[in-house]
N, C-alpha and C. Protein backbone atom coordinates (compact mmCIF):
# COMPACT_ATOMS: atom_id res chain seq x y z
N UNK A 1 -123.92 -34.38 -45.93
CA UNK A 1 -124.36 -35.11 -47.12
C UNK A 1 -123.29 -36.21 -47.62
N UNK A 2 -124.28 -37.21 -47.86
CA UNK A 2 -123.23 -38.28 -47.78
C UNK A 2 -122.62 -38.94 -49.27
N UNK A 3 -122.19 -38.79 -49.61
CA UNK A 3 -121.55 -38.87 -50.96
C UNK A 3 -121.62 -40.21 -51.88
N UNK A 4 -120.62 -40.85 -51.15
CA UNK A 4 -120.01 -42.61 -51.48
C UNK A 4 -120.60 -43.81 -50.21
N UNK A 5 -120.90 -44.69 -50.55
CA UNK A 5 -120.58 -45.55 -49.01
C UNK A 5 -119.12 -45.11 -48.61
N UNK A 6 -118.04 -45.39 -49.70
CA UNK A 6 -116.66 -45.23 -49.04
C UNK A 6 -116.86 -44.06 -47.50
N UNK A 7 -117.60 -42.40 -48.08
CA UNK A 7 -117.73 -41.22 -47.26
C UNK A 7 -117.90 -41.37 -45.87
N UNK A 8 -119.23 -42.41 -46.42
CA UNK A 8 -120.18 -42.72 -45.12
C UNK A 8 -119.25 -43.44 -44.02
N UNK A 9 -118.31 -45.01 -44.62
CA UNK A 9 -117.30 -46.36 -43.93
C UNK A 9 -116.72 -44.38 -43.06
N UNK A 10 -115.88 -43.73 -44.00
CA UNK A 10 -114.70 -43.18 -43.25
C UNK A 10 -116.19 -42.13 -42.15
N UNK A 11 -116.58 -40.76 -42.50
CA UNK A 11 -117.04 -40.76 -41.70
C UNK A 11 -117.74 -41.02 -40.51
N UNK A 12 -118.11 -42.78 -39.95
CA UNK A 12 -118.31 -43.17 -39.33
C UNK A 12 -116.78 -44.24 -38.25
N UNK A 13 -115.87 -44.61 -39.13
CA UNK A 13 -114.60 -44.77 -38.78
C UNK A 13 -114.13 -43.23 -38.01
N UNK A 14 -114.54 -41.99 -38.21
CA UNK A 14 -113.42 -41.30 -37.69
C UNK A 14 -114.90 -40.65 -36.42
N UNK A 15 -115.87 -41.41 -36.70
CA UNK A 15 -116.55 -40.51 -35.20
C UNK A 15 -116.82 -41.75 -33.80
N UNK A 16 -115.62 -42.55 -34.26
CA UNK A 16 -115.96 -43.93 -33.62
C UNK A 16 -114.53 -43.78 -32.38
N UNK A 17 -114.77 -44.77 -31.85
CA UNK A 17 -113.72 -45.01 -30.96
C UNK A 17 -112.22 -45.55 -31.14
N UNK A 18 -111.75 -45.72 -33.26
CA UNK A 18 -110.49 -46.45 -32.85
C UNK A 18 -109.43 -45.12 -33.21
N UNK A 19 -108.32 -45.75 -32.71
CA UNK A 19 -107.37 -45.86 -32.66
C UNK A 19 -106.00 -45.65 -34.35
N UNK A 20 -105.88 -44.30 -34.65
CA UNK A 20 -104.71 -44.70 -35.66
C UNK A 20 -103.63 -45.02 -35.34
N UNK A 21 -103.32 -44.83 -33.84
CA UNK A 21 -101.75 -45.56 -33.28
C UNK A 21 -102.00 -47.37 -33.52
N UNK A 22 -103.04 -47.93 -33.02
CA UNK A 22 -103.00 -48.73 -32.83
C UNK A 22 -103.74 -49.72 -34.13
N UNK A 23 -103.25 -51.40 -34.09
CA UNK A 23 -103.62 -52.12 -35.70
C UNK A 23 -105.07 -52.67 -35.35
N UNK A 24 -105.76 -52.82 -36.43
CA UNK A 24 -107.35 -52.64 -36.69
C UNK A 24 -107.35 -53.82 -37.45
N UNK A 25 -108.30 -54.88 -37.13
CA UNK A 25 -108.67 -55.99 -37.85
C UNK A 25 -110.30 -55.87 -38.85
N UNK A 26 -110.91 -55.97 -39.64
CA UNK A 26 -111.97 -56.10 -40.61
C UNK A 26 -112.59 -56.58 -39.76
N UNK A 27 -112.56 -57.26 -38.61
CA UNK A 27 -113.89 -57.02 -37.50
C UNK A 27 -114.04 -55.91 -36.34
N UNK A 28 -113.21 -55.51 -36.21
CA UNK A 28 -113.32 -54.07 -35.32
C UNK A 28 -113.60 -53.22 -36.18
N UNK A 29 -113.11 -53.03 -37.46
CA UNK A 29 -113.60 -51.26 -37.37
C UNK A 29 -114.63 -52.42 -38.45
N UNK A 30 -115.28 -52.85 -38.72
CA UNK A 30 -117.00 -52.48 -38.92
C UNK A 30 -117.38 -53.36 -37.87
N UNK A 31 -117.14 -54.00 -36.82
CA UNK A 31 -118.06 -53.28 -35.05
C UNK A 31 -117.85 -51.88 -35.29
N UNK A 32 -116.94 -51.06 -34.78
CA UNK A 32 -116.46 -50.03 -34.29
C UNK A 32 -118.18 -49.12 -35.49
N UNK A 33 -117.48 -48.86 -36.29
CA UNK A 33 -118.49 -48.27 -37.73
C UNK A 33 -120.06 -48.79 -36.71
N UNK A 34 -120.65 -50.27 -36.46
CA UNK A 34 -121.65 -49.83 -36.65
C UNK A 34 -122.15 -48.82 -35.07
N UNK A 35 -121.09 -49.25 -34.34
CA UNK A 35 -121.25 -48.87 -32.61
C UNK A 35 -121.30 -47.09 -33.35
N UNK A 36 -120.63 -46.65 -34.49
CA UNK A 36 -120.65 -44.80 -34.29
C UNK A 36 -121.66 -44.74 -35.31
N UNK A 37 -122.47 -45.26 -36.14
CA UNK A 37 -123.90 -44.71 -36.73
C UNK A 37 -125.28 -45.14 -35.78
N UNK A 38 -124.64 -46.46 -34.98
CA UNK A 38 -125.62 -46.23 -34.10
C UNK A 38 -126.58 -45.85 -33.15
N UNK A 39 -125.07 -44.95 -32.09
CA UNK A 39 -124.68 -44.37 -31.47
C UNK A 39 -125.10 -42.77 -31.65
N UNK A 40 -124.41 -42.50 -33.06
CA UNK A 40 -124.15 -41.24 -33.73
C UNK A 40 -125.55 -40.82 -35.00
N UNK A 41 -125.22 -41.66 -35.70
CA UNK A 41 -126.86 -42.04 -37.10
C UNK A 41 -125.88 -41.24 -37.67
N UNK A 42 -126.29 -40.78 -39.54
CA UNK A 42 -125.20 -41.46 -40.31
C UNK A 42 -125.00 -39.40 -40.09
N UNK A 43 -126.03 -38.56 -40.05
CA UNK A 43 -125.50 -37.27 -40.18
C UNK A 43 -124.92 -37.07 -38.84
N UNK A 44 -125.43 -37.25 -37.27
CA UNK A 44 -124.22 -37.78 -36.82
C UNK A 44 -123.12 -36.98 -36.44
N UNK A 45 -122.77 -38.52 -36.77
CA UNK A 45 -120.94 -38.67 -37.51
C UNK A 45 -120.56 -37.89 -37.81
N UNK A 46 -121.14 -37.27 -39.32
CA UNK A 46 -120.69 -35.81 -40.39
C UNK A 46 -120.50 -34.52 -39.22
N UNK A 47 -121.83 -34.32 -38.33
CA UNK A 47 -121.52 -33.37 -37.18
C UNK A 47 -120.40 -33.56 -36.17
N UNK A 48 -120.55 -34.63 -35.67
CA UNK A 48 -118.74 -35.35 -35.07
C UNK A 48 -117.18 -34.92 -35.46
N UNK A 49 -117.25 -35.29 -36.74
CA UNK A 49 -116.53 -34.79 -37.91
C UNK A 49 -116.38 -33.53 -37.73
N UNK A 50 -117.29 -33.17 -38.19
CA UNK A 50 -117.23 -30.91 -38.56
C UNK A 50 -116.59 -30.44 -37.00
N UNK A 51 -117.59 -30.80 -35.70
CA UNK A 51 -117.05 -29.89 -34.66
C UNK A 51 -115.94 -30.43 -34.88
N UNK A 52 -115.00 -31.41 -34.77
CA UNK A 52 -113.44 -31.85 -34.27
C UNK A 52 -112.64 -31.03 -35.45
N UNK A 53 -112.97 -30.59 -36.54
CA UNK A 53 -112.36 -29.59 -37.09
C UNK A 53 -112.10 -28.45 -37.32
N UNK A 54 -113.69 -28.29 -36.44
CA UNK A 54 -113.29 -27.17 -35.74
C UNK A 54 -112.86 -27.00 -34.57
N UNK A 55 -112.77 -27.88 -33.78
CA UNK A 55 -111.57 -27.44 -32.53
C UNK A 55 -110.55 -27.93 -32.73
N UNK A 56 -110.20 -29.02 -33.23
CA UNK A 56 -109.19 -29.23 -33.43
C UNK A 56 -108.61 -30.01 -34.23
N UNK A 57 -108.41 -28.62 -35.61
CA UNK A 57 -107.84 -29.24 -37.07
C UNK A 57 -106.57 -29.90 -36.88
N UNK A 58 -105.43 -29.47 -36.03
CA UNK A 58 -104.26 -30.55 -36.04
C UNK A 58 -104.63 -31.92 -36.12
N UNK A 59 -105.66 -32.08 -35.42
CA UNK A 59 -105.50 -33.91 -34.66
C UNK A 59 -106.39 -34.74 -35.82
N UNK A 60 -107.43 -33.08 -36.25
CA UNK A 60 -108.85 -34.07 -37.18
C UNK A 60 -108.32 -34.27 -38.95
N UNK A 61 -107.29 -33.35 -39.22
CA UNK A 61 -106.53 -34.19 -40.21
C UNK A 61 -106.28 -35.62 -40.43
N UNK A 62 -105.14 -35.48 -39.47
CA UNK A 62 -104.61 -37.13 -39.33
C UNK A 62 -105.63 -38.00 -39.11
N UNK A 63 -106.67 -38.03 -38.37
CA UNK A 63 -107.92 -38.55 -38.26
C UNK A 63 -108.34 -39.17 -39.07
N UNK A 64 -108.14 -37.63 -39.96
CA UNK A 64 -109.34 -38.18 -41.63
C UNK A 64 -109.42 -39.13 -42.74
N UNK A 65 -107.33 -39.08 -42.55
CA UNK A 65 -106.38 -40.36 -43.56
C UNK A 65 -107.45 -41.01 -43.27
N UNK A 66 -106.80 -41.26 -41.50
CA UNK A 66 -106.23 -42.80 -40.96
C UNK A 66 -108.43 -43.45 -41.14
N UNK A 67 -109.34 -42.36 -41.37
CA UNK A 67 -110.22 -42.85 -41.66
C UNK A 67 -110.35 -43.49 -42.84
N UNK A 68 -110.16 -42.44 -44.02
CA UNK A 68 -110.34 -42.31 -45.40
C UNK A 68 -109.68 -43.74 -45.35
N UNK A 69 -108.57 -43.96 -45.31
CA UNK A 69 -107.31 -45.14 -45.90
C UNK A 69 -108.50 -47.05 -45.11
N UNK A 70 -108.79 -46.61 -43.87
CA UNK A 70 -109.33 -47.69 -43.28
C UNK A 70 -110.38 -48.14 -44.29
N UNK A 71 -111.54 -46.79 -44.50
CA UNK A 71 -112.46 -47.59 -45.70
C UNK A 71 -112.04 -47.46 -46.66
N UNK A 72 -111.44 -47.58 -47.34
CA UNK A 72 -110.87 -48.14 -48.55
C UNK A 72 -110.37 -49.21 -48.62
N UNK A 73 -109.96 -49.78 -47.63
CA UNK A 73 -109.83 -51.00 -46.95
C UNK A 73 -110.81 -51.76 -47.14
N UNK A 74 -111.95 -51.05 -46.09
CA UNK A 74 -113.15 -52.18 -45.85
C UNK A 74 -113.88 -52.00 -47.16
N UNK A 75 -113.72 -51.24 -48.50
CA UNK A 75 -114.73 -51.40 -49.36
C UNK A 75 -114.04 -50.92 -50.31
N UNK A 76 -113.23 -51.62 -51.02
CA UNK A 76 -112.52 -51.58 -51.93
C UNK A 76 -112.78 -51.20 -53.06
N UNK A 77 -113.45 -51.84 -53.33
CA UNK A 77 -114.81 -51.96 -55.08
C UNK A 77 -114.79 -50.80 -54.32
N UNK A 78 -115.75 -49.86 -53.89
CA UNK A 78 -116.22 -48.36 -53.96
C UNK A 78 -114.88 -47.46 -54.66
N UNK A 79 -113.34 -47.72 -53.51
CA UNK A 79 -112.90 -47.32 -53.39
C UNK A 79 -112.31 -47.04 -54.73
N UNK A 80 -111.68 -48.26 -55.89
CA UNK A 80 -111.49 -47.54 -57.05
C UNK A 80 -112.37 -47.62 -57.92
N UNK A 81 -113.48 -47.57 -58.18
CA UNK A 81 -115.17 -46.40 -58.97
C UNK A 81 -115.23 -44.80 -58.78
N UNK A 82 -114.36 -44.95 -57.19
CA UNK A 82 -114.90 -43.10 -57.22
C UNK A 82 -113.55 -42.14 -57.00
């Protein structure tokens, strides 16, 4: 279930091909979110996240931190509200 827009964006970033080891522009981030949602759908992004936590929790947690931080920069108004 999707809670907020920022959480939705974080889930899509998590499911995307973006890598935390490389700087990401805002345009690249939005493009990656669009591709991830188009490829997986909203629920599919959540499924990717859950699968990664189940199979590789040691890498999923840092990736989710990256995804949440990036999502907060893309949606600063909703990050302040939540």
